[in-house]
Amino acid sequence: MDDSNLDEGVDWRDEGAVNPVKNQGACGSCWAFSATAAMEGAYYILSAELELYDLAEQQLVDCVTECNGCHGGLQELAMDHLMENAQEEQTDYPYTATDGHLCGEKEKLGRVFVTDVHKVEPESVSQLKAAIKKGPTSVSLEADKKVFQNYQDGILDSEECGTKIDHGVAAVGYGSDANGKDYYIVRNSWGADWGDMGYIKIAAVDGIGICGIQQISVYPSVKTAGNP
């Protein structure tokens, strides 16, 4: 991916490509929320900022049989599923925070298909920034340590976070502070009461990254269900 002409900073929230922070509840569906945030952003950008859908995480929990619903999954597999099955809107397939069995009944209308899934080159700040420049990007990290779970503000730059991936989130921007410290803007799915109104800034350093954020990242290309 071309990373030769990166902007100094990107924040897709300012462009209207990011929905309000959601809450996965007592269900290990972070992977579905991460993939959905990337889907919503990708379609908003594709549609020339005409439509920001609120897409259905529950559809992925119920329908992606290669994953384990509330017991975990992978964003890439969620996007693979959406190549053949358009993602529904939240109003048509509401979130229940449980393993559901309504896939056959509700996976019918569909708004957005995936046309391709792009893997980001790992262990590279410039490559992940280049992906984020294109749109919100699904990233994975370790989130079970106190330094992450107790985050409130500032830039998280601590090896105490760990690098054993157990959580999917969405990188919706990047930037640097007054001292030139680079960071990613990451949207979590633990509600707006967590962190900095549901967000965390994670230091952008080469290698596997703080909390392992530069190990596994993907983003989709999309089309509307009505397009050929």
Protein backbone atom coordinates (compact mmCIF):
# COMPACT_ATOMS: atom_id res chain seq x y z
CA MET A 1 0.00 0.00 0.00
CA ASP A 2 1.29 3.45 -0.90
CA ASP A 3 2.30 5.22 2.31
CA SER A 4 4.43 7.93 0.71
CA ASN A 5 1.97 10.81 1.04
CA LEU A 6 0.33 10.48 4.44
CA ASP A 7 -1.63 13.31 5.98
CA GLU A 8 -0.32 14.63 9.30
CA GLY A 9 -3.56 13.61 10.93
CA VAL A 10 -6.88 11.94 10.12
CA ASP A 11 -10.04 11.76 12.21
CA TRP A 12 -12.98 10.13 10.49
CA ARG A 13 -15.28 11.27 13.28
CA ASP A 14 -14.88 14.82 12.01
CA GLU A 15 -15.90 13.67 8.53
CA GLY A 16 -19.10 12.02 9.75
CA ALA A 17 -17.95 8.47 8.97
CA VAL A 18 -18.20 7.08 12.51
CA ASN A 19 -21.37 6.27 14.44
CA PRO A 20 -21.68 6.97 18.18
CA VAL A 21 -19.83 4.52 20.42
CA LYS A 22 -21.70 1.25 20.86
CA ASN A 23 -21.73 -1.27 23.72
CA GLN A 24 -21.29 -4.98 23.10
CA GLY A 25 -22.50 -5.80 26.63
CA ALA A 26 -21.83 -9.18 28.19
CA CYS A 27 -21.12 -10.82 24.85
CA GLY A 28 -17.71 -11.48 23.31
CA SER A 29 -18.78 -9.90 20.03
CA CYS A 30 -16.04 -7.27 19.78
CA TRP A 31 -15.02 -8.75 16.43
CA ALA A 32 -18.50 -8.00 15.03
CA PHE A 33 -18.40 -4.41 16.30
CA SER A 34 -14.92 -3.88 14.90
CA ALA A 35 -15.88 -5.20 11.46
CA THR A 36 -19.15 -3.25 11.46
CA ALA A 37 -17.43 0.06 12.24
CA ALA A 38 -15.19 -0.48 9.22
CA MET A 39 -18.21 -1.39 7.07
CA GLU A 40 -20.16 1.69 8.13
CA GLY A 41 -17.22 3.97 7.45
CA ALA A 42 -16.37 2.38 4.11
CA TYR A 43 -19.90 2.80 2.80
CA TYR A 44 -20.14 6.38 4.02
CA ILE A 45 -16.96 7.24 2.14
CA LEU A 46 -18.06 5.32 -0.96
CA SER A 47 -21.40 7.12 -1.02
CA ALA A 48 -19.68 10.52 -1.05
CA GLU A 49 -20.86 11.19 2.50
CA LEU A 50 -24.54 10.68 1.71
CA GLU A 51 -25.38 7.90 4.13
CA LEU A 52 -24.00 6.60 7.42
CA TYR A 53 -25.82 3.38 8.08
CA ASP A 54 -26.14 1.92 11.56
CA LEU A 55 -25.37 -1.67 10.59
CA ALA A 56 -26.22 -4.84 12.48
CA GLU A 57 -23.58 -6.52 14.61
CA GLN A 58 -26.15 -9.13 15.67
CA GLN A 59 -26.34 -10.41 12.12
CA LEU A 60 -22.66 -11.29 12.27
CA VAL A 61 -23.01 -12.88 15.73
CA ASP A 62 -25.83 -15.07 14.46
CA CYS A 63 -24.80 -15.80 10.90
CA VAL A 64 -21.01 -16.10 10.66
CA THR A 65 -20.78 -19.81 11.35
CA GLU A 66 -16.97 -19.78 11.08
CA CYS A 67 -16.94 -17.65 14.26
CA ASN A 68 -18.28 -18.38 17.73
CA GLY A 69 -20.80 -15.62 18.28
CA CYS A 70 -20.55 -14.25 21.81
CA HIS A 71 -17.50 -16.46 22.37
CA GLY A 72 -15.27 -14.74 19.85
CA GLY A 73 -14.50 -14.40 16.18
CA LEU A 74 -12.39 -12.65 13.57
CA GLN A 75 -13.15 -9.47 11.70
CA GLU A 76 -11.81 -10.91 8.45
CA LEU A 77 -14.26 -13.82 8.64
CA ALA A 78 -17.10 -11.40 9.30
CA MET A 79 -16.18 -9.45 6.18
CA ASP A 80 -15.83 -12.66 4.16
CA HIS A 81 -19.42 -13.53 5.13
CA LEU A 82 -20.60 -10.16 3.87
CA MET A 83 -19.29 -10.89 0.40
CA GLU A 84 -22.28 -13.19 -0.10
CA ASN A 85 -24.73 -11.72 2.40
CA ALA A 86 -25.34 -7.98 2.57
CA GLN A 87 -25.21 -6.48 6.06
CA GLU A 88 -28.55 -5.44 7.48
CA GLU A 89 -29.42 -2.23 9.30
CA GLN A 90 -29.69 -2.22 13.07
CA THR A 91 -33.41 -1.42 12.87
CA ASP A 92 -34.01 -4.62 10.89
CA TYR A 93 -31.71 -6.84 12.94
CA PRO A 94 -31.35 -5.32 16.44
CA TYR A 95 -28.55 -6.21 18.82
CA THR A 96 -29.38 -8.56 21.72
CA ALA A 97 -25.91 -9.29 23.19
CA THR A 98 -26.71 -13.02 23.06
CA ASP A 99 -26.06 -15.89 20.67
CA GLY A 100 -29.13 -15.71 18.45
CA HIS A 101 -30.79 -18.05 15.99
CA LEU A 102 -32.61 -15.61 13.71
CA CYS A 103 -30.16 -15.60 10.82
CA GLY A 104 -32.49 -17.36 8.39
CA GLU A 105 -35.37 -15.07 9.27
CA LYS A 106 -33.66 -11.71 9.36
CA GLU A 107 -30.74 -11.91 6.91
CA LYS A 108 -32.91 -10.89 3.96
CA LEU A 109 -32.89 -7.19 3.14
CA GLY A 110 -29.26 -6.20 3.35
CA ARG A 111 -27.72 -2.81 2.65
CA VAL A 112 -23.99 -3.24 2.09
CA PHE A 113 -21.87 -6.00 0.53
CA VAL A 114 -18.11 -6.49 0.86
CA THR A 115 -16.32 -6.72 -2.46
CA ASP A 116 -12.81 -7.26 -1.09
CA VAL A 117 -11.01 -7.62 2.24
CA HIS A 118 -7.63 -5.90 2.49
CA LYS A 119 -5.00 -7.06 4.95
CA VAL A 120 -2.69 -4.37 6.30
CA GLU A 121 1.02 -5.14 6.32
CA PRO A 122 1.82 -5.86 10.00
CA GLU A 123 4.40 -4.18 12.25
CA SER A 124 4.35 -0.90 10.32
CA VAL A 125 3.06 2.46 11.51
CA SER A 126 3.06 3.91 7.99
CA GLN A 127 1.08 1.01 6.55
CA LEU A 128 -1.58 1.14 9.26
CA LYS A 129 -1.80 4.91 8.87
CA ALA A 130 -2.20 4.46 5.10
CA ALA A 131 -5.10 2.07 5.74
CA ILE A 132 -6.74 4.47 8.20
CA LYS A 133 -6.35 7.27 5.67
CA LYS A 134 -8.64 5.24 3.39
CA GLY A 135 -11.23 4.77 6.15
CA PRO A 136 -11.95 3.29 9.59
CA THR A 137 -9.91 0.11 9.95
CA SER A 138 -10.52 -3.04 11.98
CA VAL A 139 -7.60 -3.67 14.32
CA SER A 140 -6.93 -6.21 17.05
CA LEU A 141 -5.09 -5.83 20.34
CA GLU A 142 -4.73 -7.07 23.92
CA ALA A 143 -7.30 -5.49 26.21
CA ASP A 144 -7.25 -7.62 29.37
CA LYS A 145 -4.60 -5.66 31.28
CA LYS A 146 -5.47 -2.96 33.82
CA VAL A 147 -3.49 -0.30 31.97
CA PHE A 148 -5.93 -0.65 29.06
CA GLN A 149 -9.09 -1.31 31.01
CA ASN A 150 -8.53 1.64 33.37
CA TYR A 151 -7.61 4.09 30.60
CA GLN A 152 -9.19 7.54 30.88
CA ASP A 153 -7.18 10.01 28.81
CA GLY A 154 -3.83 10.81 27.21
CA ILE A 155 -1.79 8.50 24.99
CA LEU A 156 -1.39 4.90 26.13
CA ASP A 157 2.27 4.04 25.64
CA SER A 158 3.06 1.14 27.94
CA GLU A 159 4.39 -2.34 27.37
CA GLU A 160 2.28 -3.39 30.35
CA CYS A 161 -0.62 -3.54 27.91
CA GLY A 162 0.71 -6.81 26.46
CA THR A 163 0.60 -8.11 22.91
CA LYS A 164 -1.57 -11.25 23.09
CA ILE A 165 -4.55 -10.35 20.95
CA ASP A 166 -7.94 -10.84 22.58
CA HIS A 167 -10.05 -7.89 21.41
CA GLY A 168 -11.24 -6.26 18.20
CA VAL A 169 -11.67 -2.49 17.90
CA ALA A 170 -11.71 0.16 15.17
CA ALA A 171 -8.94 2.63 14.39
CA VAL A 172 -10.78 5.74 13.17
CA GLY A 173 -7.90 8.17 12.94
CA TYR A 174 -4.35 9.09 13.83
CA GLY A 175 -2.41 12.18 14.81
CA SER A 176 0.31 13.54 17.06
CA ASP A 177 0.37 15.62 20.24
CA ALA A 178 2.16 18.92 20.90
CA ASN A 179 5.38 17.01 21.60
CA GLY A 180 5.26 15.14 18.31
CA LYS A 181 4.15 11.84 19.85
CA ASP A 182 2.21 9.83 17.27
CA TYR A 183 -0.97 8.01 18.21
CA TYR A 184 -3.94 6.11 16.80
CA ILE A 185 -7.52 7.10 17.63
CA VAL A 186 -9.31 3.88 18.56
CA ARG A 187 -13.03 3.37 19.09
CA ASN A 188 -13.86 0.65 21.61
CA SER A 189 -17.22 -1.13 21.99
CA TRP A 190 -17.60 -0.90 25.77
CA GLY A 191 -19.93 2.08 25.77
CA ALA A 192 -19.26 5.81 26.05
CA ASP A 193 -18.64 5.59 29.81
CA TRP A 194 -15.38 3.73 29.22
CA GLY A 195 -12.10 5.50 28.47
CA ASP A 196 -12.32 8.93 26.88
CA MET A 197 -16.01 8.84 25.94
CA GLY A 198 -15.53 5.36 24.51
CA TYR A 199 -12.21 6.08 22.79
CA ILE A 200 -8.54 5.53 23.51
CA LYS A 201 -5.39 7.01 21.98
CA ILE A 202 -2.68 4.38 21.54
CA ALA A 203 0.91 5.33 20.77
CA ALA A 204 1.98 4.56 17.20
CA VAL A 205 5.39 2.89 17.35
CA ASP A 206 6.90 0.47 14.83
CA GLY A 207 6.97 -3.26 15.55
CA ILE A 208 3.96 -5.20 16.80
CA GLY A 209 2.83 -2.02 18.51
CA ILE A 210 1.46 -0.98 21.87
CA CYS A 211 -1.10 -3.57 22.97
CA GLY A 212 -0.10 -5.47 19.81
CA ILE A 213 -2.18 -3.10 17.67
CA GLN A 214 -0.04 -3.57 14.55
CA GLN A 215 -0.35 -7.35 14.27
CA ILE A 216 -3.70 -7.96 12.55
CA SER A 217 -5.61 -5.20 10.74
CA VAL A 218 -8.13 -5.38 7.88
CA TYR A 219 -10.49 -3.07 6.03
CA PRO A 220 -13.18 -3.73 3.40
CA SER A 221 -14.08 -2.46 0.00
CA VAL A 222 -17.87 -2.32 -0.24
CA LYS A 223 -20.84 -1.76 -2.53
CA THR A 224 -24.54 -1.27 -1.95
CA ALA A 225 -26.83 -4.26 -2.19
CA GLY A 226 -28.50 -2.57 -5.16
CA ASN A 227 -25.32 -2.24 -7.22
CA PRO A 228 -24.15 -4.90 -9.71
